[in-house]
Structures are given as structure tokens and as C-alpha cells.
Amino acid sequence: MITEYIRYRIPADRADAFEEAYRRAAGQLAVAPQCVDYDLSRCEEEPESYILRIGWTSTDDHLRGFRGGEHFGPFLAAIGDFVPLIEEMRHYRTTGIAGAGGSAPSLYDWAGGIDALERLTEEFYRVVITDELLAPVFAGMSGDHPKHVAAWLGEVFGGPAAYSRDHGGHAGMVRHHLGRAITEEQRRRWVTLLLDAADRVGLPDDPEFRASFVGYLEWGSRMAVVLSAPDARPDFDEPMPTWTWSRPPWTPES
């Protein structure tokens, strides 16, 4: 993805009209296949200064695809009066230096850390070994398997890199799935039993955490189906997946 930044300086008496123009223009960005996302921000210290950020699938897709397509005309018509007030318009490529800040705890901390995740996996596998559908998948697992899975979840959710350090990281997990031919029915059962276990051991049940937790279980279990297929050709050099909030945890205003 390429990010375009457009910096405007808008006189105070035109600010309302400028924002309304972009509300109309945004409808064209929302349906343009070249547009990934967008937002318009106003400066706190200098209210005359605005920055529009637009994520494009590529610079060429923006300059040739969007500008040469059906949505550019209506977009430009909506904001055309303000084009002379642009101070900068450039495309930027990420450097890869990025990360989450500390304003919200990690999913790992919110869940209760490694102790909570180990309670979860111990309870889950206690049920799995008697489940008609899943017991064959985990036949012969070691007694330490629940702790290994807890370490995986912990690292994915922002905790210590214990799985990478002790169990081979992403490549190690992929190797455990090779050739197992996990079915969709087994995948769905795995997710259901793990969510049931989360309820029984008292993992947080607030909507934000559970939405994020379920999101990972769905993604991870579907990847397990893909990677366990007989014809799978996984990339063992892929990094460990990381997972965070689908939206920040909600706290009531004091």
C-alpha cells in the first residue's frame, strides 16, 4: 500500500464548507477499487491546517487507475474549489518501522497473561481428548502440548516471545500441521470448544476482547486447514503472526 498525504491550509470562514465538500467527495473514495482507506484530520495547534491521508493500492493505481476512472470526476467536482489551497501532495511508502503504543494493554495482558492462557488450554485439551471429532487429531500429543499452545497464543497476543525462543516460532507451528488434513468440520469444532473453555475458565467476556479473540481463532484455524492440506506448500520463513484489538477496549467515561 502507498499512502498519499495532502496538506491544506483552509481559512477559518471556509472550514465548514471544506469539511462538507470532503464528506461528499468521500463517497467516491469509498467505492473506488484503488482506495484502501482514508481520513481527514484538522490540526489542534493551527486549525487552518488540514491533512488528508489516503491509502492507495499503489501510486500507479492512484495516478492512472483512479484519476483515469469514473470516480475521479465527481470527486474533483466536490473538492475542486479547494485545490488551490493545497500546500503539499505526495505519496509515501512505509519503512516498516511501526507498532502499537501503550495506551491500551495487549490482548495478552488483558486476558490475564500466561497463567490465564495455560488455564484455557489445559481446560480445552481436557475436553478435546474425549471429543469424538477432534480426539484423533490430537492423539499422541505430549503432556506439555497445552503449555506449548498457551505460549503460542501468548506471543501472538503480544506477550513474551516464548514460542519463538523455545519451539521454533512460526515454522515450528506450521510443521506440526503438515499433512494432518484438518477438515472444516474439525476446525469449527475446535473453535467452538475453545470458546466454551474460555467461558469456563473466566477469560474476559467484554465485547472488544471477545471480538478480537474470536477474530484470531477464526483466522488461525482457517490457516491451519490451509497449511494441513496434502498439497500445502508453506513459507517457513514467514514471521510469527501478531494480533491486537479489533477496536480499542471500551471503558466508561468517569
Protein backbone atom coordinates (compact mmCIF):
# COMPACT_ATOMS: atom_id res chain seq x y z
CA MET A 1 0.00 0.00 0.00
CA ILE A 2 1.08 3.56 -0.71
CA THR A 3 -0.07 6.48 1.43
CA GLU A 4 -0.83 9.86 -0.10
CA TYR A 5 -0.76 12.92 2.15
CA ILE A 6 -2.43 16.13 1.02
CA ARG A 7 -1.89 19.17 3.23
CA TYR A 8 -4.33 22.06 3.02
CA ARG A 9 -4.46 25.50 4.61
CA ILE A 10 -8.10 26.48 4.87
CA PRO A 11 -9.27 29.91 6.13
CA ALA A 12 -11.45 29.67 9.21
CA ASP A 13 -14.50 31.01 7.41
CA ARG A 14 -14.29 28.21 4.83
CA ALA A 15 -13.60 25.30 7.19
CA ASP A 16 -17.21 24.11 7.38
CA ALA A 17 -17.59 24.22 3.62
CA PHE A 18 -14.28 22.37 3.18
CA GLU A 19 -15.28 19.54 5.52
CA GLU A 20 -18.70 19.27 3.88
CA ALA A 21 -17.04 19.07 0.46
CA TYR A 22 -14.92 16.14 1.64
CA ARG A 23 -17.93 14.40 3.13
CA ARG A 24 -19.40 14.40 -0.36
CA ALA A 25 -16.12 13.51 -2.05
CA ALA A 26 -15.52 10.64 0.35
CA GLY A 27 -18.36 8.74 -1.26
CA GLN A 28 -16.19 8.35 -4.36
CA LEU A 29 -13.19 7.13 -2.35
CA ALA A 30 -15.40 4.62 -0.55
CA VAL A 31 -16.29 2.86 -3.81
CA ALA A 32 -13.00 3.30 -5.70
CA PRO A 33 -11.26 -0.10 -6.01
CA GLN A 34 -7.86 1.60 -5.86
CA CYS A 35 -8.56 3.19 -2.45
CA VAL A 36 -7.67 1.23 0.70
CA ASP A 37 -8.76 3.78 3.33
CA TYR A 38 -8.79 7.50 4.07
CA ASP A 39 -9.18 10.07 6.82
CA LEU A 40 -9.17 13.85 7.10
CA SER A 41 -7.54 15.45 10.17
CA ARG A 42 -7.52 19.03 11.43
CA CYS A 43 -4.56 20.47 13.32
CA GLU A 44 -5.12 21.25 17.01
CA GLU A 45 -2.45 23.99 17.19
CA GLU A 46 -3.20 25.53 13.78
CA PRO A 47 -6.88 24.93 12.95
CA GLU A 48 -6.35 26.28 9.43
CA SER A 49 -4.14 23.27 8.65
CA TYR A 50 -5.74 20.02 7.44
CA ILE A 51 -4.14 16.76 6.31
CA LEU A 52 -5.95 14.26 4.14
CA ARG A 53 -4.47 10.75 4.27
CA ILE A 54 -5.45 8.30 1.54
CA GLY A 55 -4.17 4.74 1.29
CA TRP A 56 -3.87 3.56 -2.32
CA THR A 57 -3.16 0.06 -3.58
CA SER A 58 -0.22 1.63 -5.47
CA THR A 59 0.90 5.00 -6.78
CA ASP A 60 0.17 3.90 -10.33
CA ASP A 61 -3.30 2.72 -9.33
CA HIS A 62 -3.96 6.19 -7.96
CA LEU A 63 -2.49 8.26 -10.77
CA ARG A 64 -3.69 6.10 -13.66
CA GLY A 65 -6.48 3.96 -12.26
CA PHE A 66 -8.39 6.36 -10.00
CA ARG A 67 -7.64 9.54 -11.91
CA GLY A 68 -8.46 7.81 -15.17
CA GLY A 69 -11.62 6.19 -13.86
CA GLU A 70 -15.25 7.03 -13.30
CA HIS A 71 -14.92 8.20 -9.71
CA PHE A 72 -12.35 10.94 -10.17
CA GLY A 73 -14.67 13.38 -11.94
CA PRO A 74 -17.27 13.50 -9.16
CA PHE A 75 -14.51 13.53 -6.54
CA LEU A 76 -12.80 16.54 -8.11
CA ALA A 77 -16.11 18.31 -8.63
CA ALA A 78 -16.83 18.07 -4.91
CA ILE A 79 -13.48 19.48 -3.70
CA GLY A 80 -12.33 21.47 -6.74
CA ASP A 81 -12.79 24.87 -5.10
CA PHE A 82 -10.18 23.94 -2.52
CA VAL A 83 -7.47 22.54 -4.80
CA PRO A 84 -5.65 25.92 -4.97
CA LEU A 85 -5.26 25.74 -1.19
CA ILE A 86 -3.15 22.57 -1.31
CA GLU A 87 0.33 23.07 0.20
CA GLU A 88 1.67 19.55 -0.29
CA MET A 89 0.57 16.44 -2.18
CA ARG A 90 2.96 13.47 -2.06
CA HIS A 91 2.98 9.67 -1.99
CA TYR A 92 4.81 7.86 0.81
CA ARG A 93 5.95 4.26 1.23
CA THR A 94 6.15 2.73 4.72
CA THR A 95 9.59 1.96 6.13
CA GLY A 96 8.31 -0.92 8.23
CA ILE A 97 9.06 0.97 11.45
CA ALA A 98 5.70 0.71 13.15
CA GLY A 99 3.99 -0.68 16.21
CA ALA A 100 1.29 -0.20 18.77
CA GLY A 101 1.63 2.28 21.60
CA GLY A 102 0.96 1.75 25.27
CA SER A 103 -2.44 3.43 25.52
CA ALA A 104 -4.18 0.06 25.64
CA PRO A 105 -2.90 -3.17 27.19
CA SER A 106 -2.03 -6.05 24.90
CA LEU A 107 -4.55 -8.84 24.43
CA TYR A 108 -2.08 -10.98 26.39
CA ASP A 109 -2.23 -8.70 29.43
CA TRP A 110 -5.99 -8.17 29.15
CA ALA A 111 -6.55 -11.93 29.07
CA GLY A 112 -4.58 -12.35 32.29
CA GLY A 113 -1.14 -13.31 31.00
CA ILE A 114 0.33 -16.76 30.66
CA ASP A 115 -1.45 -18.15 33.73
CA ALA A 116 -4.85 -17.42 32.20
CA LEU A 117 -3.85 -18.82 28.81
CA GLU A 118 -2.49 -22.00 30.39
CA ARG A 119 -5.77 -22.46 32.28
CA LEU A 120 -7.55 -22.03 28.97
CA THR A 121 -5.50 -24.60 27.09
CA GLU A 122 -5.49 -27.11 29.93
CA GLU A 123 -9.28 -26.95 30.10
CA PHE A 124 -9.61 -27.10 26.32
CA TYR A 125 -7.45 -30.18 25.88
CA ARG A 126 -9.11 -31.88 28.84
CA VAL A 127 -12.28 -31.87 26.73
CA VAL A 128 -10.62 -32.44 23.36
CA ILE A 129 -9.16 -35.83 24.26
CA THR A 130 -12.69 -37.18 24.74
CA ASP A 131 -14.25 -35.44 21.75
CA GLU A 132 -15.16 -37.89 19.00
CA LEU A 133 -14.33 -35.48 16.20
CA LEU A 134 -11.10 -33.95 17.50
CA ALA A 135 -9.53 -36.69 19.60
CA PRO A 136 -7.96 -38.38 16.53
CA VAL A 137 -6.30 -35.10 15.51
CA PHE A 138 -4.52 -34.80 18.86
CA ALA A 139 -3.85 -38.47 19.50
CA GLY A 140 -0.38 -38.92 20.91
CA MET A 141 0.10 -35.29 21.96
CA SER A 142 2.63 -34.77 24.72
CA GLY A 143 1.66 -33.75 28.22
CA ASP A 144 3.29 -30.38 27.57
CA HIS A 145 1.20 -29.65 24.49
CA PRO A 146 -1.32 -27.37 26.29
CA LYS A 147 1.54 -25.24 27.65
CA HIS A 148 3.09 -25.00 24.19
CA VAL A 149 -0.19 -23.78 22.71
CA ALA A 150 -0.56 -21.28 25.57
CA ALA A 151 2.93 -19.97 24.76
CA TRP A 152 1.92 -19.61 21.10
CA LEU A 153 -1.23 -17.69 21.97
CA GLY A 154 0.71 -15.56 24.42
CA GLU A 155 3.26 -14.50 21.82
CA VAL A 156 0.61 -13.88 19.15
CA PHE A 157 -1.35 -11.72 21.59
CA GLY A 158 1.60 -9.51 22.48
CA GLY A 159 3.26 -11.41 25.32
CA PRO A 160 6.82 -12.78 25.63
CA ALA A 161 8.35 -14.44 22.57
CA ALA A 162 8.47 -17.78 24.37
CA TYR A 163 7.19 -19.84 21.47
CA SER A 164 9.79 -18.44 19.10
CA ARG A 165 12.53 -18.97 21.66
CA ASP A 166 11.62 -22.50 22.73
CA HIS A 167 9.52 -24.07 19.98
CA GLY A 168 10.69 -22.80 16.61
CA GLY A 169 8.36 -19.88 16.01
CA HIS A 170 6.02 -19.82 13.02
CA ALA A 171 7.92 -22.54 11.19
CA GLY A 172 7.67 -24.82 14.20
CA MET A 173 3.90 -24.42 14.39
CA VAL A 174 3.50 -24.98 10.65
CA ARG A 175 5.44 -28.25 10.83
CA HIS A 176 3.03 -29.54 13.46
CA HIS A 177 0.18 -29.15 10.98
CA LEU A 178 1.76 -30.59 7.84
CA GLY A 179 -0.19 -33.48 6.35
CA ARG A 180 -2.89 -33.57 9.02
CA ALA A 181 -5.65 -32.71 6.51
CA ILE A 182 -7.80 -30.87 9.04
CA THR A 183 -11.40 -30.64 7.86
CA GLU A 184 -13.77 -27.70 8.04
CA GLU A 185 -15.95 -29.65 10.46
CA GLN A 186 -12.96 -30.22 12.75
CA ARG A 187 -11.95 -26.58 12.50
CA ARG A 188 -15.39 -25.37 13.54
CA ARG A 189 -15.48 -27.83 16.41
CA TRP A 190 -12.03 -26.64 17.56
CA VAL A 191 -13.22 -23.03 17.66
CA THR A 192 -16.43 -23.92 19.49
CA LEU A 193 -14.68 -25.97 22.17
CA LEU A 194 -12.04 -23.31 22.74
CA LEU A 195 -14.68 -20.61 23.17
CA ASP A 196 -16.56 -22.85 25.59
CA ALA A 197 -13.32 -23.36 27.53
CA ALA A 198 -12.74 -19.59 27.60
CA ASP A 199 -16.13 -19.18 29.29
CA ARG A 200 -15.45 -21.89 31.83
CA VAL A 201 -12.06 -20.55 32.91
CA GLY A 202 -13.29 -16.97 33.05
CA LEU A 203 -11.39 -15.29 30.24
CA PRO A 204 -12.61 -11.69 29.84
CA ASP A 205 -16.01 -11.57 28.16
CA ASP A 206 -16.19 -7.89 27.23
CA PRO A 207 -17.25 -7.40 23.60
CA GLU A 208 -13.97 -5.87 22.46
CA PHE A 209 -11.76 -8.64 23.81
CA ARG A 210 -14.02 -11.44 22.62
CA ALA A 211 -14.32 -9.90 19.14
CA SER A 212 -10.53 -9.77 18.91
CA PHE A 213 -10.11 -13.25 20.41
CA VAL A 214 -12.66 -14.83 18.08
CA GLY A 215 -11.14 -12.99 15.14
CA TYR A 216 -7.82 -14.68 15.78
CA LEU A 217 -9.37 -18.11 16.34
CA GLU A 218 -11.19 -17.85 13.02
CA TRP A 219 -8.09 -16.70 11.14
CA GLY A 220 -5.71 -19.11 12.84
CA SER A 221 -7.95 -22.15 12.48
CA ARG A 222 -8.62 -21.44 8.81
CA MET A 223 -4.88 -21.10 8.23
CA ALA A 224 -4.43 -24.47 9.95
CA VAL A 225 -6.82 -26.03 7.43
CA VAL A 226 -4.86 -24.50 4.55
CA LEU A 227 -1.45 -25.48 5.92
CA SER A 228 -2.51 -29.03 6.76
CA ALA A 229 -3.79 -29.77 3.26
CA PRO A 230 -1.94 -32.57 1.40
CA ASP A 231 -0.76 -30.15 -1.29
CA ALA A 232 0.25 -27.33 1.08
CA ARG A 233 3.48 -25.53 0.26
CA PRO A 234 4.00 -23.26 3.28
CA ASP A 235 6.56 -20.50 3.52
CA PHE A 236 8.60 -21.42 6.58
CA ASP A 237 10.27 -18.01 6.63
CA GLU A 238 7.10 -16.12 7.43
CA PRO A 239 7.26 -14.27 10.77
CA MET A 240 5.15 -15.09 13.79
CA PRO A 241 1.64 -13.69 13.42
CA THR A 242 0.68 -10.90 15.78
CA TRP A 243 -2.83 -9.98 16.81
CA THR A 244 -4.29 -6.95 18.52
CA TRP A 245 -7.60 -5.32 19.27
CA SER A 246 -10.23 -5.25 16.55
CA ARG A 247 -11.15 -1.99 18.25
CA PRO A 248 -9.72 -0.47 21.44
CA PRO A 249 -11.07 -1.75 24.75
CA TRP A 250 -14.03 0.31 25.92
CA THR A 251 -14.03 1.99 29.30
CA PRO A 252 -16.90 4.14 30.58
CA GLU A 253 -16.26 7.84 30.94
CA SER A 254 -15.71 8.87 34.53
